[in-house]
Amino acid sequence: MSPRPNVSDERKNQIINAAEDVFTQKGFDEARMDDIATETGLSKGTLYLYFKSKDDLIIAILDRMFQREFRQLENLPQDGLSATDEIWKITDLLTQEILGLLRLIPIVYQFLALAFRNKYVQLALKKYINRYLDILVPIIQRGIDSGEFRPVDSREVAVAMGAMMEGTLLLWVYDKSLVDPGHHIHSGMKLLLEGVQARPS
């Protein structure tokens, strides 16, 4: 006999999906918990059993997004790949995720704005950033140890990679006619990797 599905998890996902749609349509400031309750077909009281505020819903949306990315990153095949090839696999995966979630970027930046006033969000962001670094730094260090990369600081390179991707998205928010996220993430990563490649002696 197969295990019964977790109804609580199903309901949470239903609410998170509805919140994504409402926030995307109305914007975070204009959206109300009433709107999300209506979208789900649930009573407002039931909604509050799962999420106490819009801030809680934004955290849940971003957490689900990040956890999906981490699962994919941790399952990428690594055998026989150079450090450069592995970084390109990660870049391609993250770029595909970003392009698939562009409609949620306003929610992402609302989440970042919360970090200025919410210590829980600050801790969540710190956890996400450090988890990305935990994946990237060993790959970069392997490239340094093998002579593929110059003897640079692996953590600084990983931070620069993250800053390049995040900065590209922010520029796209400023001016969508100036930036093509897929193209400019790829070109930025190419320039960065060329900068750390070992030079022939």
C-alpha atoms as a PDB file:
ATOM      1  CA  MET A   1       0.000   0.000   0.000  1.00  0.00           C
ATOM      2  CA  SER A   2       1.558   3.311  -1.071  1.00  0.00           C
ATOM      3  CA  PRO A   3       1.974   6.058   1.546  1.00  0.00           C
ATOM      4  CA  ARG A   4      -0.709   8.729   1.658  1.00  0.00           C
ATOM      5  CA  PRO A   5       0.374  12.112   0.264  1.00  0.00           C
ATOM      6  CA  ASN A   6       1.126  14.851   2.780  1.00  0.00           C
ATOM      7  CA  VAL A   7      -1.976  17.040   2.497  1.00  0.00           C
ATOM      8  CA  SER A   8      -0.284  19.842   4.437  1.00  0.00           C
ATOM      9  CA  ASP A   9       2.569  20.043   1.905  1.00  0.00           C
ATOM     10  CA  GLU A  10       0.106  19.935  -0.992  1.00  0.00           C
ATOM     11  CA  ARG A  11      -1.878  22.788   0.531  1.00  0.00           C
ATOM     12  CA  LYS A  12       1.265  24.861   1.107  1.00  0.00           C
ATOM     13  CA  ASN A  13       2.304  24.398  -2.515  1.00  0.00           C
ATOM     14  CA  GLN A  14      -1.190  25.370  -3.646  1.00  0.00           C
ATOM     15  CA  ILE A  15      -0.946  28.598  -1.642  1.00  0.00           C
ATOM     16  CA  ILE A  16       2.584  29.369  -2.843  1.00  0.00           C
ATOM     17  CA  ASN A  17       1.535  28.881  -6.474  1.00  0.00           C
ATOM     18  CA  ALA A  18      -1.408  31.213  -5.953  1.00  0.00           C
ATOM     19  CA  ALA A  19       0.801  33.814  -4.263  1.00  0.00           C
ATOM     20  CA  GLU A  20       3.239  33.743  -7.197  1.00  0.00           C
ATOM     21  CA  ASP A  21       0.361  34.472  -9.589  1.00  0.00           C
ATOM     22  CA  VAL A  22      -1.145  37.221  -7.451  1.00  0.00           C
ATOM     23  CA  PHE A  23       2.173  38.958  -6.743  1.00  0.00           C
ATOM     24  CA  THR A  24       3.083  38.806 -10.443  1.00  0.00           C
ATOM     25  CA  GLN A  25      -0.279  40.247 -11.534  1.00  0.00           C
ATOM     26  CA  LYS A  26      -0.784  42.906  -8.857  1.00  0.00           C
ATOM     27  CA  GLY A  27       2.676  43.600  -7.477  1.00  0.00           C
ATOM     28  CA  PHE A  28       3.636  42.922  -3.906  1.00  0.00           C
ATOM     29  CA  ASP A  29       2.391  46.204  -2.452  1.00  0.00           C
ATOM     30  CA  GLU A  30      -1.058  46.033  -4.079  1.00  0.00           C
ATOM     31  CA  ALA A  31      -1.628  42.311  -3.435  1.00  0.00           C
ATOM     32  CA  ARG A  32      -3.621  41.367  -0.327  1.00  0.00           C
ATOM     33  CA  MET A  33      -3.894  38.148   1.592  1.00  0.00           C
ATOM     34  CA  ASP A  34      -7.603  38.250   0.603  1.00  0.00           C
ATOM     35  CA  ASP A  35      -6.538  38.085  -3.063  1.00  0.00           C
ATOM     36  CA  ILE A  36      -4.395  35.022  -2.396  1.00  0.00           C
ATOM     37  CA  ALA A  37      -7.185  33.333  -0.451  1.00  0.00           C
ATOM     38  CA  THR A  38      -9.555  33.981  -3.381  1.00  0.00           C
ATOM     39  CA  GLU A  39      -7.007  32.595  -5.870  1.00  0.00           C
ATOM     40  CA  THR A  40      -6.661  29.378  -3.859  1.00  0.00           C
ATOM     41  CA  GLY A  41     -10.387  29.010  -3.143  1.00  0.00           C
ATOM     42  CA  LEU A  42      -9.550  28.795   0.565  1.00  0.00           C
ATOM     43  CA  SER A  43     -10.921  30.858   3.403  1.00  0.00           C
ATOM     44  CA  LYS A  44      -8.680  33.605   4.756  1.00  0.00           C
ATOM     45  CA  GLY A  45      -8.614  31.786   8.097  1.00  0.00           C
ATOM     46  CA  THR A  46      -7.282  28.628   6.461  1.00  0.00           C
ATOM     47  CA  LEU A  47      -4.659  30.669   4.601  1.00  0.00           C
ATOM     48  CA  TYR A  48      -3.403  32.161   7.878  1.00  0.00           C
ATOM     49  CA  LEU A  49      -2.962  28.679   9.332  1.00  0.00           C
ATOM     50  CA  TYR A  50      -0.139  28.197   6.830  1.00  0.00           C
ATOM     51  CA  PHE A  51       1.261  31.707   6.273  1.00  0.00           C
ATOM     52  CA  LYS A  52       0.905  34.658   8.611  1.00  0.00           C
ATOM     53  CA  SER A  53       1.868  37.413   6.163  1.00  0.00           C
ATOM     54  CA  LYS A  54       2.920  38.332   2.636  1.00  0.00           C
ATOM     55  CA  ASP A  55       6.515  38.425   3.876  1.00  0.00           C
ATOM     56  CA  ASP A  56       6.210  34.772   4.928  1.00  0.00           C
ATOM     57  CA  LEU A  57       4.894  33.914   1.474  1.00  0.00           C
ATOM     58  CA  ILE A  58       7.782  35.643  -0.298  1.00  0.00           C
ATOM     59  CA  ILE A  59      10.238  33.693   1.863  1.00  0.00           C
ATOM     60  CA  ALA A  60       8.431  30.451   0.960  1.00  0.00           C
ATOM     61  CA  ILE A  61       8.466  31.275  -2.769  1.00  0.00           C
ATOM     62  CA  LEU A  62      12.183  32.016  -2.777  1.00  0.00           C
ATOM     63  CA  ASP A  63      13.017  29.050  -0.575  1.00  0.00           C
ATOM     64  CA  ARG A  64      11.259  26.693  -2.975  1.00  0.00           C
ATOM     65  CA  MET A  65      13.097  28.267  -5.917  1.00  0.00           C
ATOM     66  CA  PHE A  66      16.508  27.970  -4.259  1.00  0.00           C
ATOM     67  CA  GLN A  67      15.949  24.415  -3.040  1.00  0.00           C
ATOM     68  CA  ARG A  68      15.049  23.290  -6.562  1.00  0.00           C
ATOM     69  CA  GLU A  69      18.256  24.867  -7.899  1.00  0.00           C
ATOM     70  CA  PHE A  70      20.384  23.253  -5.200  1.00  0.00           C
ATOM     71  CA  ARG A  71      18.952  19.804  -5.933  1.00  0.00           C
ATOM     72  CA  GLN A  72      19.758  20.223  -9.615  1.00  0.00           C
ATOM     73  CA  LEU A  73      23.259  21.531  -8.926  1.00  0.00           C
ATOM     74  CA  GLU A  74      24.065  18.705  -6.553  1.00  0.00           C
ATOM     75  CA  ASN A  75      22.893  16.120  -9.123  1.00  0.00           C
ATOM     76  CA  LEU A  76      24.990  17.435 -12.020  1.00  0.00           C
ATOM     77  CA  PRO A  77      27.379  14.783 -13.425  1.00  0.00           C
ATOM     78  CA  GLN A  78      30.998  15.635 -12.610  1.00  0.00           C
ATOM     79  CA  ASP A  79      33.056  12.602 -13.654  1.00  0.00           C
ATOM     80  CA  GLY A  80      35.843  13.470 -16.070  1.00  0.00           C
ATOM     81  CA  LEU A  81      34.879  17.137 -16.437  1.00  0.00           C
ATOM     82  CA  SER A  82      37.440  19.910 -16.243  1.00  0.00           C
ATOM     83  CA  ALA A  83      36.746  22.672 -13.739  1.00  0.00           C
ATOM     84  CA  THR A  84      35.903  25.001 -16.632  1.00  0.00           C
ATOM     85  CA  ASP A  85      33.407  22.542 -18.121  1.00  0.00           C
ATOM     86  CA  GLU A  86      31.798  21.989 -14.733  1.00  0.00           C
ATOM     87  CA  ILE A  87      31.412  25.734 -14.192  1.00  0.00           C
ATOM     88  CA  TRP A  88      29.799  26.020 -17.636  1.00  0.00           C
ATOM     89  CA  LYS A  89      27.341  23.243 -16.737  1.00  0.00           C
ATOM     90  CA  ILE A  90      26.411  25.126 -13.571  1.00  0.00           C
ATOM     91  CA  THR A  91      26.133  28.409 -15.488  1.00  0.00           C
ATOM     92  CA  ASP A  92      23.884  26.846 -18.128  1.00  0.00           C
ATOM     93  CA  LEU A  93      21.645  25.277 -15.476  1.00  0.00           C
ATOM     94  CA  LEU A  94      21.300  28.514 -13.486  1.00  0.00           C
ATOM     95  CA  THR A  95      20.697  30.516 -16.673  1.00  0.00           C
ATOM     96  CA  GLN A  96      17.884  28.163 -17.702  1.00  0.00           C
ATOM     97  CA  GLU A  97      16.361  28.540 -14.231  1.00  0.00           C
ATOM     98  CA  ILE A  98      16.640  32.333 -14.406  1.00  0.00           C
ATOM     99  CA  LEU A  99      15.083  32.551 -17.865  1.00  0.00           C
ATOM    100  CA  GLY A 100      12.222  30.330 -16.724  1.00  0.00           C
ATOM    101  CA  LEU A 101      11.546  32.533 -13.718  1.00  0.00           C
ATOM    102  CA  LEU A 102      11.910  36.053 -15.125  1.00  0.00           C
ATOM    103  CA  ARG A 103       8.278  36.777 -14.269  1.00  0.00           C
ATOM    104  CA  LEU A 104       9.185  36.267 -10.600  1.00  0.00           C
ATOM    105  CA  ILE A 105      12.142  38.679 -10.590  1.00  0.00           C
ATOM    106  CA  PRO A 106      10.039  41.477  -9.011  1.00  0.00           C
ATOM    107  CA  ILE A 107       9.257  39.067  -6.165  1.00  0.00           C
ATOM    108  CA  VAL A 108      12.957  38.220  -5.856  1.00  0.00           C
ATOM    109  CA  TYR A 109      13.848  41.885  -5.440  1.00  0.00           C
ATOM    110  CA  GLN A 110      11.045  42.375  -2.937  1.00  0.00           C
ATOM    111  CA  PHE A 111      12.668  39.530  -0.999  1.00  0.00           C
ATOM    112  CA  LEU A 112      16.014  41.333  -1.147  1.00  0.00           C
ATOM    113  CA  ALA A 113      14.375  44.522   0.095  1.00  0.00           C
ATOM    114  CA  LEU A 114      13.043  42.591   3.079  1.00  0.00           C
ATOM    115  CA  ALA A 115      16.623  41.810   4.078  1.00  0.00           C
ATOM    116  CA  PHE A 116      17.074  45.421   5.172  1.00  0.00           C
ATOM    117  CA  ARG A 117      14.393  45.116   7.859  1.00  0.00           C
ATOM    118  CA  ASN A 118      14.033  41.410   8.601  1.00  0.00           C
ATOM    119  CA  LYS A 119      16.828  39.484  10.330  1.00  0.00           C
ATOM    120  CA  TYR A 120      15.238  36.156   9.406  1.00  0.00           C
ATOM    121  CA  VAL A 121      15.477  37.069   5.723  1.00  0.00           C
ATOM    122  CA  GLN A 122      19.090  38.193   6.206  1.00  0.00           C
ATOM    123  CA  LEU A 123      19.925  34.793   7.692  1.00  0.00           C
ATOM    124  CA  ALA A 124      18.083  32.988   4.882  1.00  0.00           C
ATOM    125  CA  LEU A 125      20.010  34.923   2.218  1.00  0.00           C
ATOM    126  CA  LYS A 126      23.294  34.268   4.005  1.00  0.00           C
ATOM    127  CA  LYS A 127      22.486  30.540   4.044  1.00  0.00           C
ATOM    128  CA  TYR A 128      21.661  30.509   0.313  1.00  0.00           C
ATOM    129  CA  ILE A 129      24.778  32.465  -0.669  1.00  0.00           C
ATOM    130  CA  ASN A 130      27.070  30.251   1.381  1.00  0.00           C
ATOM    131  CA  ARG A 131      25.494  27.123  -0.062  1.00  0.00           C
ATOM    132  CA  TYR A 132      26.270  28.346  -3.579  1.00  0.00           C
ATOM    133  CA  LEU A 133      29.831  29.098  -2.488  1.00  0.00           C
ATOM    134  CA  ASP A 134      30.131  25.622  -0.986  1.00  0.00           C
ATOM    135  CA  ILE A 135      29.368  24.220  -4.449  1.00  0.00           C
ATOM    136  CA  LEU A 136      31.539  26.591  -6.510  1.00  0.00           C
ATOM    137  CA  VAL A 137      34.656  27.072  -4.370  1.00  0.00           C
ATOM    138  CA  PRO A 138      35.836  23.409  -4.457  1.00  0.00           C
ATOM    139  CA  ILE A 139      35.424  23.317  -8.248  1.00  0.00           C
ATOM    140  CA  ILE A 140      37.474  26.472  -8.702  1.00  0.00           C
ATOM    141  CA  GLN A 141      40.082  25.226  -6.231  1.00  0.00           C
ATOM    142  CA  ARG A 142      40.348  21.966  -8.183  1.00  0.00           C
ATOM    143  CA  GLY A 143      41.055  24.005 -11.316  1.00  0.00           C
ATOM    144  CA  ILE A 144      43.771  25.918  -9.465  1.00  0.00           C
ATOM    145  CA  ASP A 145      45.345  22.765  -8.052  1.00  0.00           C
ATOM    146  CA  SER A 146      45.415  21.098 -11.485  1.00  0.00           C
ATOM    147  CA  GLY A 147      47.009  24.126 -13.157  1.00  0.00           C
ATOM    148  CA  GLU A 148      43.904  24.858 -15.234  1.00  0.00           C
ATOM    149  CA  PHE A 149      43.431  28.188 -13.425  1.00  0.00           C
ATOM    150  CA  ARG A 150      45.954  30.712 -12.190  1.00  0.00           C
ATOM    151  CA  PRO A 151      46.746  30.663  -8.434  1.00  0.00           C
ATOM    152  CA  VAL A 152      43.934  33.022  -7.457  1.00  0.00           C
ATOM    153  CA  ASP A 153      41.666  33.073  -4.408  1.00  0.00           C
ATOM    154  CA  SER A 154      38.959  30.491  -5.186  1.00  0.00           C
ATOM    155  CA  ARG A 155      36.404  32.103  -2.882  1.00  0.00           C
ATOM    156  CA  GLU A 156      36.887  35.529  -4.458  1.00  0.00           C
ATOM    157  CA  VAL A 157      36.347  34.030  -7.911  1.00  0.00           C
ATOM    158  CA  ALA A 158      33.139  32.318  -6.724  1.00  0.00           C
ATOM    159  CA  VAL A 159      31.867  35.604  -5.249  1.00  0.00           C
ATOM    160  CA  ALA A 160      32.676  37.399  -8.521  1.00  0.00           C
ATOM    161  CA  MET A 161      30.701  34.777 -10.471  1.00  0.00           C
ATOM    162  CA  GLY A 162      27.677  35.272  -8.240  1.00  0.00           C
ATOM    163  CA  ALA A 163      27.987  39.054  -8.436  1.00  0.00           C
ATOM    164  CA  MET A 164      28.167  38.914 -12.243  1.00  0.00           C
ATOM    165  CA  MET A 165      24.954  36.860 -12.491  1.00  0.00           C
ATOM    166  CA  GLU A 166      23.058  38.936  -9.920  1.00  0.00           C
ATOM    167  CA  GLY A 167      24.325  42.197 -11.423  1.00  0.00           C
ATOM    168  CA  THR A 168      23.234  41.160 -14.920  1.00  0.00           C
ATOM    169  CA  LEU A 169      19.711  40.540 -13.648  1.00  0.00           C
ATOM    170  CA  LEU A 170      19.634  43.884 -11.855  1.00  0.00           C
ATOM    171  CA  LEU A 171      20.727  45.701 -15.028  1.00  0.00           C
ATOM    172  CA  TRP A 172      17.951  43.862 -16.905  1.00  0.00           C
ATOM    173  CA  VAL A 173      15.456  45.214 -14.358  1.00  0.00           C
ATOM    174  CA  TYR A 174      16.807  48.726 -14.960  1.00  0.00           C
ATOM    175  CA  ASP A 175      16.670  48.540 -18.756  1.00  0.00           C
ATOM    176  CA  LYS A 176      15.332  45.490 -20.588  1.00  0.00           C
ATOM    177  CA  SER A 177      16.414  46.958 -23.941  1.00  0.00           C
ATOM    178  CA  LEU A 178      20.031  47.069 -22.781  1.00  0.00           C
ATOM    179  CA  VAL A 179      20.436  43.578 -21.322  1.00  0.00           C
ATOM    180  CA  ASP A 180      19.604  40.109 -22.613  1.00  0.00           C
ATOM    181  CA  PRO A 181      19.965  37.965 -19.453  1.00  0.00           C
ATOM    182  CA  GLY A 182      20.871  34.716 -21.225  1.00  0.00           C
ATOM    183  CA  HIS A 183      23.388  36.317 -23.584  1.00  0.00           C
ATOM    184  CA  HIS A 184      25.021  38.630 -21.043  1.00  0.00           C
ATOM    185  CA  ILE A 185      25.328  36.020 -18.305  1.00  0.00           C
ATOM    186  CA  HIS A 186      27.103  33.787 -20.828  1.00  0.00           C
ATOM    187  CA  SER A 187      29.406  36.557 -22.096  1.00  0.00           C
ATOM    188  CA  GLY A 188      30.164  37.753 -18.567  1.00  0.00           C
ATOM    189  CA  MET A 189      31.090  34.251 -17.432  1.00  0.00           C
ATOM    190  CA  LYS A 190      33.278  33.794 -20.526  1.00  0.00           C
ATOM    191  CA  LEU A 191      35.213  36.971 -19.715  1.00  0.00           C
ATOM    192  CA  LEU A 192      35.570  35.988 -16.082  1.00  0.00           C
ATOM    193  CA  LEU A 193      36.825  32.489 -16.868  1.00  0.00           C
ATOM    194  CA  GLU A 194      39.275  33.815 -19.450  1.00  0.00           C
ATOM    195  CA  GLY A 195      40.647  36.065 -16.716  1.00  0.00           C
ATOM    196  CA  VAL A 196      41.480  33.136 -14.395  1.00  0.00           C
ATOM    197  CA  GLN A 197      42.753  30.693 -17.020  1.00  0.00           C
ATOM    198  CA  ALA A 198      46.397  29.715 -16.553  1.00  0.00           C
ATOM    199  CA  ARG A 199      48.708  31.307 -19.136  1.00  0.00           C
ATOM    200  CA  PRO A 200      51.009  29.053 -21.158  1.00  0.00           C
ATOM    201  CA  SER A 201      54.578  29.401 -19.913  1.00  0.00           C
END
